[in-house]
N, C-alpha and C. Protein backbone atom coordinates (compact mmCIF):
# COMPACT_ATOMS: atom_id res chain seq x y z
N MET A 1 -66.47 20.55 -9.01
CA MET A 1 -66.74 19.56 -10.18
C MET A 1 -65.73 18.56 -10.20
N PRO A 2 -64.34 19.13 -10.32
CA PRO A 2 -62.97 18.05 -10.28
C PRO A 2 -63.55 16.93 -9.11
N LEU A 3 -63.82 17.21 -7.93
CA LEU A 3 -63.99 16.24 -6.80
C LEU A 3 -65.03 15.27 -7.43
N ALA A 4 -65.98 15.79 -7.79
CA ALA A 4 -67.13 14.86 -8.03
C ALA A 4 -66.86 14.08 -9.18
N LEU A 5 -65.88 14.52 -10.24
CA LEU A 5 -65.77 13.64 -11.02
C LEU A 5 -64.46 12.82 -11.04
N LEU A 6 -63.58 12.94 -9.51
CA LEU A 6 -62.84 12.09 -8.95
C LEU A 6 -63.75 10.95 -8.08
N ALA A 7 -64.60 11.49 -7.38
CA ALA A 7 -65.17 10.49 -7.17
C ALA A 7 -66.14 9.37 -7.60
N VAL A 8 -66.71 9.81 -8.89
CA VAL A 8 -67.19 9.20 -9.93
C VAL A 8 -66.31 8.10 -10.18
N LEU A 9 -65.27 8.22 -10.93
CA LEU A 9 -64.13 7.38 -11.46
C LEU A 9 -63.30 6.60 -10.66
N VAL A 10 -62.87 7.09 -9.86
CA VAL A 10 -62.09 6.36 -8.82
C VAL A 10 -62.78 5.35 -8.13
N ALA A 11 -64.18 5.89 -7.51
CA ALA A 11 -64.85 4.85 -6.41
C ALA A 11 -65.21 3.91 -7.79
N SER A 12 -65.70 3.99 -8.76
CA SER A 12 -66.12 2.94 -9.86
C SER A 12 -64.91 2.15 -10.39
N ALA A 13 -63.59 2.72 -10.15
CA ALA A 13 -63.03 1.75 -10.46
C ALA A 13 -62.29 0.84 -9.39
N VAL A 14 -62.85 1.40 -7.96
CA VAL A 14 -62.13 0.53 -6.89
C VAL A 14 -63.70 -0.57 -7.11
N ALA A 15 -64.60 0.19 -6.96
CA ALA A 15 -65.93 -0.92 -7.05
C ALA A 15 -65.50 -2.33 -8.05
N MET A 16 -65.20 -2.13 -9.35
CA MET A 16 -64.64 -3.29 -10.18
C MET A 16 -63.59 -4.14 -9.69
N THR A 17 -62.76 -3.83 -8.70
CA THR A 17 -61.93 -5.16 -8.20
C THR A 17 -62.47 -5.56 -6.89
N GLU A 18 -63.57 -4.87 -6.15
CA GLU A 18 -63.90 -5.35 -5.20
C GLU A 18 -64.95 -6.61 -4.94
N ARG A 19 -64.31 -7.68 -4.21
CA ARG A 19 -65.14 -9.04 -4.29
C ARG A 19 -66.09 -9.43 -3.23
N ASN A 20 -66.24 -8.16 -2.20
CA ASN A 20 -67.25 -7.98 -1.24
C ASN A 20 -68.13 -7.45 -1.70
N LEU A 21 -69.32 -8.43 -1.70
CA LEU A 21 -70.46 -7.35 -2.26
C LEU A 21 -71.00 -6.34 -1.64
N LYS A 22 -71.01 -6.39 -0.29
CA LYS A 22 -71.16 -4.82 0.45
C LYS A 22 -70.33 -3.84 0.43
N ARG A 23 -69.21 -3.89 0.19
CA ARG A 23 -68.34 -3.30 -0.22
C ARG A 23 -68.40 -2.58 -1.25
N LEU A 24 -68.44 -3.15 -2.34
CA LEU A 24 -68.74 -2.73 -3.84
C LEU A 24 -69.86 -2.35 -3.93
N LEU A 25 -71.13 -2.18 -3.54
CA LEU A 25 -72.31 -1.41 -3.15
C LEU A 25 -71.79 0.06 -2.73
N ALA A 26 -70.97 -0.19 -1.47
CA ALA A 26 -70.64 1.00 -0.78
C ALA A 26 -69.63 1.77 -1.97
N TYR A 27 -68.64 1.38 -2.40
CA TYR A 27 -67.79 1.99 -3.15
C TYR A 27 -68.53 2.50 -4.43
N SER A 28 -69.68 2.07 -5.03
CA SER A 28 -70.82 2.38 -5.68
C SER A 28 -71.48 3.67 -5.19
N SER A 29 -72.24 3.67 -4.33
CA SER A 29 -72.60 4.53 -3.73
C SER A 29 -71.73 5.93 -3.16
N VAL A 30 -70.66 5.74 -3.45
CA VAL A 30 -69.78 6.99 -3.41
C VAL A 30 -69.82 7.51 -4.38
N ALA A 31 -69.97 6.55 -5.52
CA ALA A 31 -69.63 7.44 -7.36
C ALA A 31 -70.82 8.10 -7.67
N GLN A 32 -72.09 7.25 -7.37
CA GLN A 32 -73.23 7.97 -7.65
C GLN A 32 -73.31 9.30 -6.67
N ILE A 33 -73.27 9.27 -5.30
CA ILE A 33 -72.73 10.75 -4.85
C ILE A 33 -72.07 11.58 -5.86
N GLY A 34 -71.04 11.29 -6.35
CA GLY A 34 -70.26 12.10 -7.25
C GLY A 34 -71.13 12.60 -8.34
N TYR A 35 -71.96 11.70 -8.71
CA TYR A 35 -72.69 12.47 -9.88
C TYR A 35 -73.80 13.64 -9.22
N ILE A 36 -74.56 13.01 -8.26
CA ILE A 36 -75.34 14.41 -7.60
C ILE A 36 -74.62 15.42 -7.42
N MET A 37 -73.13 15.37 -6.69
CA MET A 37 -72.11 16.46 -6.44
C MET A 37 -71.81 17.44 -8.12
N LEU A 38 -72.10 16.41 -8.93
CA LEU A 38 -71.65 17.05 -10.42
C LEU A 38 -72.78 17.77 -11.06
N GLY A 39 -73.89 17.45 -10.47
CA GLY A 39 -75.34 18.35 -10.82
C GLY A 39 -75.01 19.74 -10.20
N ALA A 40 -74.77 19.87 -9.26
CA ALA A 40 -75.12 20.70 -8.13
C ALA A 40 -73.77 21.74 -8.88
N SER A 41 -72.38 21.02 -9.10
CA SER A 41 -71.49 22.10 -9.32
C SER A 41 -71.97 22.65 -10.53
N LEU A 42 -72.33 22.46 -11.59
CA LEU A 42 -73.06 23.40 -12.22
C LEU A 42 -73.46 24.57 -11.68
N VAL A 43 -74.15 24.85 -11.15
CA VAL A 43 -74.94 26.05 -10.24
C VAL A 43 -75.63 26.42 -11.35
N SER A 44 -76.75 25.38 -11.72
CA SER A 44 -77.78 25.89 -13.25
C SER A 44 -78.86 25.26 -12.56
N ALA A 45 -79.94 25.70 -13.02
CA ALA A 45 -81.28 24.67 -12.63
C ALA A 45 -81.50 23.54 -13.29
N ALA A 46 -80.80 23.30 -14.44
CA ALA A 46 -80.51 22.07 -15.06
C ALA A 46 -79.82 21.05 -14.22
N GLY A 47 -78.70 21.70 -14.15
CA GLY A 47 -77.94 20.69 -13.15
C GLY A 47 -78.20 20.50 -11.96
N VAL A 48 -78.58 21.56 -11.21
CA VAL A 48 -79.21 21.07 -9.48
C VAL A 48 -80.29 20.15 -9.71
N SER A 49 -80.94 20.68 -10.70
CA SER A 49 -82.05 19.56 -11.04
C SER A 49 -82.02 18.24 -10.87
N ALA A 50 -80.78 18.02 -12.04
CA ALA A 50 -80.43 17.15 -12.28
C ALA A 50 -79.85 16.17 -11.27
N GLY A 51 -79.10 16.97 -10.55
CA GLY A 51 -78.85 16.26 -9.50
C GLY A 51 -79.57 15.87 -8.32
N ILE A 52 -80.52 16.56 -7.96
CA ILE A 52 -81.37 16.35 -6.73
C ILE A 52 -82.25 15.10 -7.76
N LEU A 53 -83.01 15.26 -8.92
CA LEU A 53 -83.49 13.91 -9.38
C LEU A 53 -82.75 12.69 -8.83
N HIS A 54 -81.16 12.66 -9.48
CA HIS A 54 -80.81 11.33 -9.00
C HIS A 54 -80.47 10.96 -7.71
N LEU A 55 -80.55 11.99 -6.91
CA LEU A 55 -80.64 11.37 -5.48
C LEU A 55 -82.05 10.51 -5.37
N PHE A 56 -83.31 11.14 -5.86
CA PHE A 56 -84.34 10.59 -5.63
C PHE A 56 -84.03 9.07 -6.50
N ASN A 57 -83.67 9.38 -7.44
CA ASN A 57 -83.91 7.74 -8.34
C ASN A 57 -82.63 6.60 -8.00
N HIS A 58 -81.56 7.38 -7.31
CA HIS A 58 -80.43 6.64 -7.19
C HIS A 58 -80.83 5.68 -5.71
N ALA A 59 -81.44 6.71 -4.95
CA ALA A 59 -81.95 5.94 -3.64
C ALA A 59 -82.85 4.65 -3.85
N LEU A 60 -83.89 4.80 -5.21
CA LEU A 60 -84.52 3.63 -5.17
C LEU A 60 -84.04 2.35 -5.53
N ALA A 61 -82.79 2.60 -6.73
CA ALA A 61 -82.07 1.91 -7.15
C ALA A 61 -81.22 0.91 -5.88
N LYS A 62 -80.52 2.01 -5.18
CA LYS A 62 -79.74 1.35 -4.05
C LYS A 62 -80.19 0.80 -3.11
N GLY A 63 -81.18 1.55 -2.82
CA GLY A 63 -81.88 0.89 -1.04
C GLY A 63 -82.67 -0.56 -1.91
N ALA A 64 -82.90 -0.77 -3.36
CA ALA A 64 -83.01 -1.95 -3.96
C ALA A 64 -82.37 -3.08 -3.32
N LEU A 65 -81.15 -2.59 -4.26
CA LEU A 65 -79.92 -3.61 -4.08
C LEU A 65 -79.66 -3.80 -2.74
N PHE A 66 -79.32 -2.95 -1.58
CA PHE A 66 -78.97 -3.18 -0.15
C PHE A 66 -79.82 -4.35 0.10
N LEU A 67 -81.39 -4.04 -0.18
CA LEU A 67 -82.05 -5.43 0.58
C LEU A 67 -81.93 -6.65 -0.23
N THR A 68 -81.47 -6.82 -1.35
CA THR A 68 -81.28 -7.73 -2.14
C THR A 68 -79.94 -8.37 -1.51
N VAL A 69 -79.29 -8.03 -1.04
CA VAL A 69 -77.87 -8.11 0.18
C VAL A 69 -78.19 -8.74 1.41
N ALA A 70 -79.37 -7.85 1.81
CA ALA A 70 -80.08 -8.57 3.00
C ALA A 70 -80.66 -9.90 2.63
N CYS A 71 -81.44 -9.82 1.80
CA CYS A 71 -81.71 -11.42 1.15
C CYS A 71 -80.43 -12.26 1.22
N LEU A 72 -79.71 -12.01 0.38
CA LEU A 72 -78.83 -13.03 0.54
C LEU A 72 -77.96 -13.44 1.89
N ALA A 73 -77.76 -12.24 2.48
CA ALA A 73 -77.39 -12.67 4.08
C ALA A 73 -78.04 -13.55 4.54
N MET A 74 -78.97 -13.51 4.40
CA MET A 74 -79.88 -14.52 5.03
C MET A 74 -79.98 -15.84 4.90
N ARG A 75 -78.99 -16.00 3.64
CA ARG A 75 -79.36 -17.74 3.04
C ARG A 75 -77.89 -17.97 2.73
N CYS A 76 -77.12 -17.30 2.35
CA CYS A 76 -75.79 -17.74 1.43
C CYS A 76 -74.88 -17.75 2.80
N SER A 77 -73.81 -18.46 3.10
CA SER A 77 -72.89 -18.66 3.89
C SER A 77 -71.82 -17.26 3.75
N GLY A 78 -71.95 -16.45 2.77
CA GLY A 78 -71.07 -15.08 2.93
C GLY A 78 -71.29 -14.18 1.82
N LEU A 79 -70.47 -13.28 1.70
CA LEU A 79 -71.21 -12.02 0.60
C LEU A 79 -69.90 -11.50 -0.33
N ARG A 80 -68.77 -12.40 -0.27
CA ARG A 80 -67.87 -12.55 -1.34
C ARG A 80 -68.67 -13.32 -2.60
N LEU A 81 -67.86 -12.56 -3.55
CA LEU A 81 -68.55 -13.01 -4.88
C LEU A 81 -68.29 -14.64 -5.26
N GLU A 82 -66.98 -15.20 -4.46
CA GLU A 82 -67.05 -16.47 -5.04
C GLU A 82 -68.01 -17.10 -4.20
N GLU A 83 -68.92 -16.75 -3.12
CA GLU A 83 -69.67 -17.73 -2.37
C GLU A 83 -71.02 -17.40 -2.85
N LEU A 84 -70.87 -16.61 -3.88
CA LEU A 84 -72.49 -16.42 -4.45
C LEU A 84 -72.86 -17.48 -5.70
N GLY A 85 -71.68 -18.44 -5.86
CA GLY A 85 -72.20 -18.79 -7.33
C GLY A 85 -73.37 -19.71 -7.59
N GLY A 86 -74.07 -19.67 -8.22
CA GLY A 86 -75.35 -20.47 -8.31
C GLY A 86 -76.21 -20.01 -7.90
N CYS A 87 -76.01 -18.73 -7.02
CA CYS A 87 -77.48 -18.32 -6.14
C CYS A 87 -78.99 -17.87 -6.98
N ALA A 88 -78.49 -17.92 -8.17
CA ALA A 88 -79.37 -17.10 -8.88
C ALA A 88 -80.41 -18.50 -9.17
N ARG A 89 -79.90 -19.40 -9.24
CA ARG A 89 -80.85 -20.41 -9.50
C ARG A 89 -81.84 -21.07 -8.46
N ARG A 90 -81.52 -20.72 -7.29
CA ARG A 90 -82.02 -21.12 -6.10
C ARG A 90 -82.75 -19.65 -5.47
N MET A 91 -82.67 -18.87 -5.85
CA MET A 91 -82.98 -17.07 -5.30
C MET A 91 -83.33 -16.40 -6.47
N PRO A 92 -84.31 -16.94 -7.31
CA PRO A 92 -84.38 -15.92 -8.51
C PRO A 92 -85.37 -15.33 -8.61
N TRP A 93 -86.02 -14.70 -7.42
CA TRP A 93 -86.90 -13.02 -6.84
C TRP A 93 -85.56 -12.32 -6.79
N THR A 94 -84.89 -12.84 -5.74
CA THR A 94 -83.78 -11.92 -5.45
C THR A 94 -83.14 -11.31 -6.14
N MET A 95 -82.14 -12.48 -7.23
CA MET A 95 -81.51 -12.35 -7.88
C MET A 95 -81.70 -11.35 -9.09
N GLY A 96 -83.61 -11.71 -9.48
CA GLY A 96 -83.87 -10.80 -10.46
C GLY A 96 -83.98 -9.44 -10.21
N ALA A 97 -84.64 -9.10 -8.72
CA ALA A 97 -84.36 -7.77 -8.27
C ALA A 97 -83.15 -7.34 -8.24
N PHE A 98 -81.87 -7.78 -7.87
CA PHE A 98 -80.43 -7.17 -8.54
C PHE A 98 -80.55 -6.78 -9.75
N VAL A 99 -80.88 -7.86 -10.27
CA VAL A 99 -80.52 -7.07 -12.11
C VAL A 99 -81.38 -6.14 -12.44
N VAL A 100 -82.46 -5.89 -12.12
CA VAL A 100 -83.54 -4.60 -12.57
C VAL A 100 -82.54 -3.37 -11.66
N ALA A 101 -82.46 -3.75 -10.83
CA ALA A 101 -81.69 -2.55 -10.01
C ALA A 101 -80.54 -1.91 -10.25
N GLY A 102 -79.58 -3.26 -10.60
CA GLY A 102 -78.13 -3.02 -11.18
C GLY A 102 -78.51 -2.11 -12.56
N LEU A 103 -79.60 -2.58 -13.75
CA LEU A 103 -79.90 -1.94 -14.48
C LEU A 103 -79.96 -0.34 -14.46
N SER A 104 -80.73 0.02 -13.47
CA SER A 104 -81.18 1.47 -13.29
C SER A 104 -79.59 1.96 -12.70
N LEU A 105 -78.77 1.20 -12.09
CA LEU A 105 -77.65 1.95 -11.65
C LEU A 105 -76.87 2.47 -12.76
N ILE A 106 -76.81 1.29 -13.58
CA ILE A 106 -76.10 1.62 -14.87
C ILE A 106 -76.50 2.74 -16.05
N GLY A 107 -77.89 2.88 -15.73
CA GLY A 107 -78.29 3.69 -16.59
C GLY A 107 -79.14 3.40 -17.85
N VAL A 108 -79.78 2.44 -17.78
CA VAL A 108 -80.21 1.68 -18.93
C VAL A 108 -81.99 2.24 -19.29
N PRO A 109 -82.20 2.80 -20.26
CA PRO A 109 -83.38 3.16 -20.60
C PRO A 109 -84.51 2.58 -20.11
N GLY A 110 -85.46 3.28 -19.76
CA GLY A 110 -86.75 2.43 -19.19
C GLY A 110 -86.80 2.17 -17.51
N THR A 111 -85.33 2.90 -17.10
CA THR A 111 -85.14 2.71 -15.31
C THR A 111 -85.09 3.82 -15.10
N ALA A 112 -84.77 4.06 -13.77
CA ALA A 112 -85.19 5.87 -13.19
C ALA A 112 -83.62 6.24 -13.07
N GLY A 113 -82.55 5.20 -13.24
CA GLY A 113 -81.38 5.65 -13.12
C GLY A 113 -81.14 6.22 -14.74
N PHE A 114 -81.86 5.71 -15.55
CA PHE A 114 -81.39 6.52 -17.11
C PHE A 114 -81.84 8.04 -16.92
N ILE A 115 -83.28 8.28 -16.34
CA ILE A 115 -83.88 9.81 -16.32
C ILE A 115 -82.72 10.50 -15.77
N SER A 116 -82.71 10.25 -15.07
CA SER A 116 -81.25 11.33 -13.85
C SER A 116 -80.21 11.68 -14.75
N LYS A 117 -79.34 10.41 -15.11
CA LYS A 117 -78.30 10.58 -15.81
C LYS A 117 -78.39 11.09 -17.42
N TRP A 118 -79.34 10.99 -17.75
CA TRP A 118 -79.86 12.03 -18.89
C TRP A 118 -80.18 13.51 -18.91
N TYR A 119 -80.74 13.95 -17.96
CA TYR A 119 -80.85 14.73 -17.79
C TYR A 119 -79.47 15.60 -17.18
N LEU A 120 -78.83 14.81 -16.70
CA LEU A 120 -77.44 15.78 -15.99
C LEU A 120 -76.41 15.82 -17.31
N ILE A 121 -76.66 14.58 -18.38
CA ILE A 121 -75.72 14.89 -19.96
C ILE A 121 -76.41 16.27 -20.54
N LEU A 122 -77.57 15.95 -20.16
CA LEU A 122 -77.87 17.53 -20.97
C LEU A 122 -77.63 18.64 -20.38
N ALA A 123 -77.87 18.69 -19.13
CA ALA A 123 -77.21 20.17 -18.18
C ALA A 123 -75.81 20.29 -18.73
N LEU A 124 -74.80 18.97 -18.60
CA LEU A 124 -73.38 19.57 -18.74
C LEU A 124 -73.62 20.14 -20.65
N LEU A 125 -74.29 19.48 -21.37
CA LEU A 125 -74.02 20.17 -22.84
C LEU A 125 -74.57 21.50 -23.06
N GLU A 126 -75.53 21.71 -22.09
CA GLU A 126 -76.00 22.95 -22.27
C GLU A 126 -74.88 23.91 -21.43
N SER A 127 -74.27 23.36 -20.74
CA SER A 127 -72.84 24.30 -20.00
C SER A 127 -71.76 24.30 -20.88
N ASN A 128 -72.08 23.48 -22.40
CA ASN A 128 -71.03 23.49 -22.98
C ASN A 128 -69.92 22.77 -22.82
N LEU A 129 -69.54 21.85 -21.54
CA LEU A 129 -69.44 20.69 -21.01
C LEU A 129 -69.22 19.18 -21.38
N TRP A 130 -68.93 19.02 -23.10
CA TRP A 130 -69.24 17.95 -23.55
C TRP A 130 -68.17 17.13 -23.10
N PRO A 131 -66.74 17.60 -22.94
CA PRO A 131 -65.85 16.25 -22.03
C PRO A 131 -66.14 15.72 -21.35
N VAL A 132 -66.77 16.49 -20.04
CA VAL A 132 -67.22 15.75 -19.02
C VAL A 132 -68.90 14.75 -18.98
N ALA A 133 -69.62 15.55 -20.13
CA ALA A 133 -70.18 14.44 -20.59
C ALA A 133 -70.09 13.01 -20.88
N ALA A 134 -68.88 13.41 -21.67
CA ALA A 134 -68.11 11.96 -22.09
C ALA A 134 -67.61 11.02 -20.86
N LEU A 135 -67.15 11.83 -20.04
CA LEU A 135 -66.77 10.72 -18.75
C LEU A 135 -67.70 10.60 -18.53
N LEU A 136 -69.31 11.32 -18.27
CA LEU A 136 -70.01 10.40 -17.52
C LEU A 136 -70.34 9.42 -17.96
N LEU A 137 -70.44 9.12 -19.57
CA LEU A 137 -70.86 8.06 -19.99
C LEU A 137 -69.61 6.48 -20.07
N ILE A 138 -68.54 7.32 -20.04
CA ILE A 138 -67.52 6.24 -19.53
C ILE A 138 -67.67 5.63 -18.15
N SER A 139 -68.09 6.52 -17.14
CA SER A 139 -68.70 5.99 -15.82
C SER A 139 -69.34 4.86 -15.79
N SER A 140 -69.98 5.26 -16.62
CA SER A 140 -71.65 4.41 -17.05
C SER A 140 -71.12 2.73 -17.15
N LEU A 141 -69.98 2.92 -18.36
CA LEU A 141 -69.62 1.38 -18.67
C LEU A 141 -68.71 0.91 -17.68
N LEU A 142 -68.49 1.60 -16.59
CA LEU A 142 -67.64 0.93 -15.44
C LEU A 142 -68.70 0.44 -14.23
N ALA A 143 -69.69 0.95 -14.76
CA ALA A 143 -70.69 0.71 -13.35
C ALA A 143 -71.59 -0.85 -13.89
N LEU A 144 -71.46 -1.15 -15.57
CA LEU A 144 -72.06 -1.58 -16.12
C LEU A 144 -70.70 -3.15 -15.76
N VAL A 145 -69.38 -2.85 -15.78
CA VAL A 145 -68.27 -4.02 -15.42
C VAL A 145 -68.68 -4.43 -14.07
N TYR A 146 -68.90 -3.10 -13.17
CA TYR A 146 -68.93 -4.06 -11.82
C TYR A 146 -70.38 -4.83 -11.25
N VAL A 147 -71.21 -4.39 -12.10
CA VAL A 147 -72.66 -4.99 -12.04
C VAL A 147 -72.58 -6.17 -12.46
N TRP A 148 -72.31 -6.35 -13.57
CA TRP A 148 -72.22 -7.77 -14.92
C TRP A 148 -70.97 -8.81 -14.06
N ARG A 149 -70.35 -8.38 -12.99
CA ARG A 149 -69.41 -9.17 -12.06
C ARG A 149 -70.41 -10.09 -11.23
N VAL A 150 -71.05 -9.65 -10.50
CA VAL A 150 -71.77 -10.05 -9.50
C VAL A 150 -72.87 -11.00 -10.78
N ILE A 151 -73.49 -10.48 -11.25
CA ILE A 151 -74.55 -11.68 -12.49
C ILE A 151 -73.85 -12.64 -12.83
N GLU A 152 -72.42 -12.48 -13.18
CA GLU A 152 -71.90 -13.49 -13.98
C GLU A 152 -71.71 -14.61 -12.93
N VAL A 153 -71.22 -14.16 -11.73
CA VAL A 153 -71.33 -14.96 -10.51
C VAL A 153 -72.61 -16.11 -10.30
N ALA A 154 -73.72 -15.04 -10.05
CA ALA A 154 -75.00 -15.54 -9.31
C ALA A 154 -75.51 -16.53 -10.81
N TYR A 155 -75.13 -16.07 -11.67
CA TYR A 155 -76.31 -17.02 -13.03
C TYR A 155 -75.56 -18.11 -13.30
N PHE A 156 -73.98 -17.87 -14.03
CA PHE A 156 -72.91 -18.41 -14.74
C PHE A 156 -72.05 -19.54 -13.99
N ARG A 157 -71.98 -19.49 -12.73
CA ARG A 157 -70.81 -20.04 -12.20
C ARG A 157 -71.60 -21.07 -10.90
N PRO A 158 -70.72 -22.42 -10.52
CA PRO A 158 -71.55 -23.25 -9.73
C PRO A 158 -71.57 -22.31 -8.51
N PRO A 159 -72.49 -23.38 -7.51
CA PRO A 159 -72.43 -23.09 -6.01
C PRO A 159 -70.96 -23.76 -5.81
N PRO A 160 -70.54 -23.27 -4.55
CA PRO A 160 -69.25 -23.79 -3.75
C PRO A 160 -69.86 -25.09 -3.39
N GLU A 161 -68.72 -26.10 -3.46
CA GLU A 161 -68.90 -27.52 -3.05
C GLU A 161 -69.49 -27.33 -1.86
N ASP A 162 -68.83 -26.64 -0.50
CA ASP A 162 -69.34 -26.94 0.95
C ASP A 162 -70.39 -26.23 1.47
N GLN A 163 -71.50 -25.63 0.19
CA GLN A 163 -72.31 -24.69 0.45
C GLN A 163 -73.62 -25.46 0.90
N ALA A 164 -74.08 -25.26 2.02
CA ALA A 164 -75.72 -25.79 2.01
C ALA A 164 -76.83 -25.44 1.02
N GLU A 165 -77.78 -26.02 1.20
CA GLU A 165 -78.86 -25.99 0.29
C GLU A 165 -79.48 -24.98 0.65
N ILE A 166 -79.65 -23.55 -0.68
CA ILE A 166 -80.45 -22.17 0.08
C ILE A 166 -81.40 -22.56 -0.72
N ARG A 167 -82.33 -21.54 -0.06
CA ARG A 167 -83.95 -21.44 -0.88
C ARG A 167 -83.91 -19.66 -0.81
N GLU A 168 -84.69 -19.61 -1.83
CA GLU A 168 -85.43 -17.99 -1.80
C GLU A 168 -85.60 -17.32 -0.45
N ALA A 169 -85.69 -16.29 -0.51
CA ALA A 169 -85.63 -15.39 0.85
C ALA A 169 -87.27 -15.25 1.24
N PRO A 170 -87.34 -14.99 2.52
CA PRO A 170 -89.02 -14.71 2.93
C PRO A 170 -89.58 -13.68 2.46
N LEU A 171 -90.87 -13.77 2.18
CA LEU A 171 -91.61 -12.97 1.34
C LEU A 171 -91.68 -11.46 2.05
N GLY A 172 -91.42 -11.28 3.35
CA GLY A 172 -90.89 -10.50 4.16
C GLY A 172 -90.26 -9.31 3.58
N MET A 173 -89.21 -9.93 3.10
CA MET A 173 -87.77 -8.93 2.49
C MET A 173 -87.87 -8.89 0.94
N LEU A 174 -88.87 -9.74 0.26
CA LEU A 174 -88.94 -9.61 -1.02
C LEU A 174 -90.08 -8.65 -1.76
N VAL A 175 -91.12 -8.43 -0.71
CA VAL A 175 -92.28 -7.60 -1.14
C VAL A 175 -91.35 -6.21 -0.93
N PRO A 176 -90.78 -5.75 0.30
CA PRO A 176 -90.30 -4.10 0.24
C PRO A 176 -89.56 -4.22 -1.18
N THR A 177 -88.36 -5.27 -1.63
CA THR A 177 -87.35 -5.30 -2.37
C THR A 177 -88.06 -4.74 -3.78
N TRP A 178 -89.05 -5.35 -4.06
CA TRP A 178 -89.87 -5.50 -5.27
C TRP A 178 -90.83 -4.00 -5.28
N ILE A 179 -91.11 -3.53 -4.19
CA ILE A 179 -91.69 -2.39 -4.38
C ILE A 179 -90.65 -1.47 -5.05
N LEU A 180 -89.83 -1.26 -4.01
CA LEU A 180 -88.47 -0.50 -4.72
C LEU A 180 -88.45 -0.67 -6.00
N ILE A 181 -88.55 -1.74 -6.59
CA ILE A 181 -88.23 -2.23 -8.04
C ILE A 181 -89.32 -1.56 -8.97
N GLY A 182 -90.41 -1.67 -8.59
CA GLY A 182 -91.72 -1.60 -9.09
C GLY A 182 -91.38 0.39 -9.16
N ALA A 183 -90.96 1.04 -8.25
CA ALA A 183 -90.74 2.35 -8.29
C ALA A 183 -89.90 2.82 -9.45
N SER A 184 -88.69 1.93 -9.19
CA SER A 184 -87.71 2.50 -10.18
C SER A 184 -87.98 2.45 -11.84
N LEU A 185 -88.95 1.03 -12.05
CA LEU A 185 -89.10 1.38 -13.44
C LEU A 185 -90.52 2.35 -13.49
N PHE A 186 -91.05 2.84 -12.35
CA PHE A 186 -92.28 3.62 -12.86
C PHE A 186 -92.06 4.68 -12.96
N PHE A 187 -90.43 5.20 -12.27
CA PHE A 187 -90.31 6.53 -12.40
C PHE A 187 -88.86 6.66 -13.86
N GLY A 188 -89.17 5.49 -14.15
CA GLY A 188 -88.22 5.26 -15.39
C GLY A 188 -88.78 5.71 -16.56
N VAL A 189 -90.12 5.76 -16.67
CA VAL A 189 -91.22 5.86 -17.42
C VAL A 189 -91.87 7.13 -17.30
N PHE A 190 -92.41 7.23 -16.00
CA PHE A 190 -93.31 8.64 -15.93
C PHE A 190 -92.40 9.49 -14.75
N THR A 191 -92.34 10.66 -15.91
CA THR A 191 -91.20 11.31 -14.91
C THR A 191 -91.83 12.86 -14.56
N ARG A 192 -92.97 13.05 -14.82
CA ARG A 192 -93.63 14.29 -14.61
C ARG A 192 -93.47 14.69 -12.99
N TRP A 193 -93.89 14.03 -12.13
CA TRP A 193 -93.67 14.29 -10.88
C TRP A 193 -92.15 14.34 -10.46
N SER A 194 -91.69 13.50 -10.58
CA SER A 194 -90.32 13.59 -10.12
C SER A 194 -89.39 14.52 -10.35
N ALA A 195 -89.38 14.80 -11.99
CA ALA A 195 -88.49 15.38 -12.61
C ALA A 195 -89.09 17.41 -12.31
N GLY A 196 -90.30 16.68 -12.38
CA GLY A 196 -91.41 18.62 -11.93
C GLY A 196 -90.73 19.04 -10.51
N LEU A 197 -91.13 18.06 -9.77
CA LEU A 197 -90.44 18.36 -8.10
C LEU A 197 -88.95 18.80 -8.39
N ALA A 198 -88.43 18.24 -8.99
CA ALA A 198 -86.69 18.57 -8.76
C ALA A 198 -86.42 20.12 -9.35
N ARG A 199 -87.19 20.03 -10.33
CA ARG A 199 -86.75 21.62 -11.01
C ARG A 199 -87.51 22.41 -10.54
N ILE A 200 -88.79 22.15 -9.67
CA ILE A 200 -89.12 23.44 -8.70
C ILE A 200 -88.25 23.81 -7.67
N ALA A 201 -87.45 22.52 -7.08
CA ALA A 201 -86.56 22.73 -5.92
C ALA A 201 -85.18 23.21 -6.13
N ALA A 202 -84.69 22.78 -7.56
CA ALA A 202 -83.84 23.84 -7.81
C ALA A 202 -83.87 25.18 -7.99
N GLU A 203 -84.95 25.62 -8.77
CA GLU A 203 -85.31 26.92 -8.73
C GLU A 203 -85.44 27.65 -7.58
N THR A 204 -86.33 27.04 -6.34
CA THR A 204 -85.95 27.68 -5.27
C THR A 204 -84.74 27.74 -4.62
N LEU A 205 -83.82 26.77 -5.16
CA LEU A 205 -82.52 26.57 -4.53
C LEU A 205 -81.49 27.84 -4.95
N LEU A 206 -81.99 28.31 -5.98
CA LEU A 206 -80.95 28.96 -6.51
C LEU A 206 -81.84 30.66 -6.62
N GLY A 207 -82.61 30.50 -6.26
CA GLY A 207 -83.48 31.80 -6.02
C GLY A 207 -84.37 32.68 -6.83
N GLY A 208 -84.38 31.51 -7.81
CA GLY A 208 -85.55 31.39 -9.17
C GLY A 208 -87.03 30.97 -8.83
N GLY A 209 -87.38 30.73 -7.46
CA GLY A 209 -88.69 30.36 -7.38
C GLY A 209 -89.61 30.92 -6.44
N PRO A 210 -90.85 30.45 -5.88
CA PRO A 210 -91.58 31.55 -5.19
C PRO A 210 -90.76 31.89 -3.99
């Protein structure tokens, strides 16, 4: 559990200072793996099922985020934050997908990321670990900071003066990206399948299943 919390807090703090988009998302992935391991460290059906559920829900959000990075890499000169100024005006579908996936990463209600983090908080409270639950909420605020840094540059800063005119990513990239976005929104509302299967898997791993 201490190592899981360390991964969540330190990796999130590093992501807040990172200026390369790929590295920012990579450090974010380290933090999200910390959430998964935090659930496993509880060694309870609620904790393990929350970890398994976050494994699935985070795969949807982070898969979409890395696809948006691939879209940006096809059109922009680089993936440093200062090189992404104004790209949302020219690539609205790409950056729209980034915003929704980023909200899931933060854990905003209505997205899959909220569901698994909520289950994890409930598991922590069930184990009477409310200080750890409080740290979990703080870590979500850290995620808000580094996701906002990208959104702020893409939507509210002008493009670099030496940047050539860019256009939206090809349809072949946008379709799979938005399929993952749709899945993240779907499983943020309809949780019976994902949460139910995660619970069955957790009980089986802990010896309580068939």
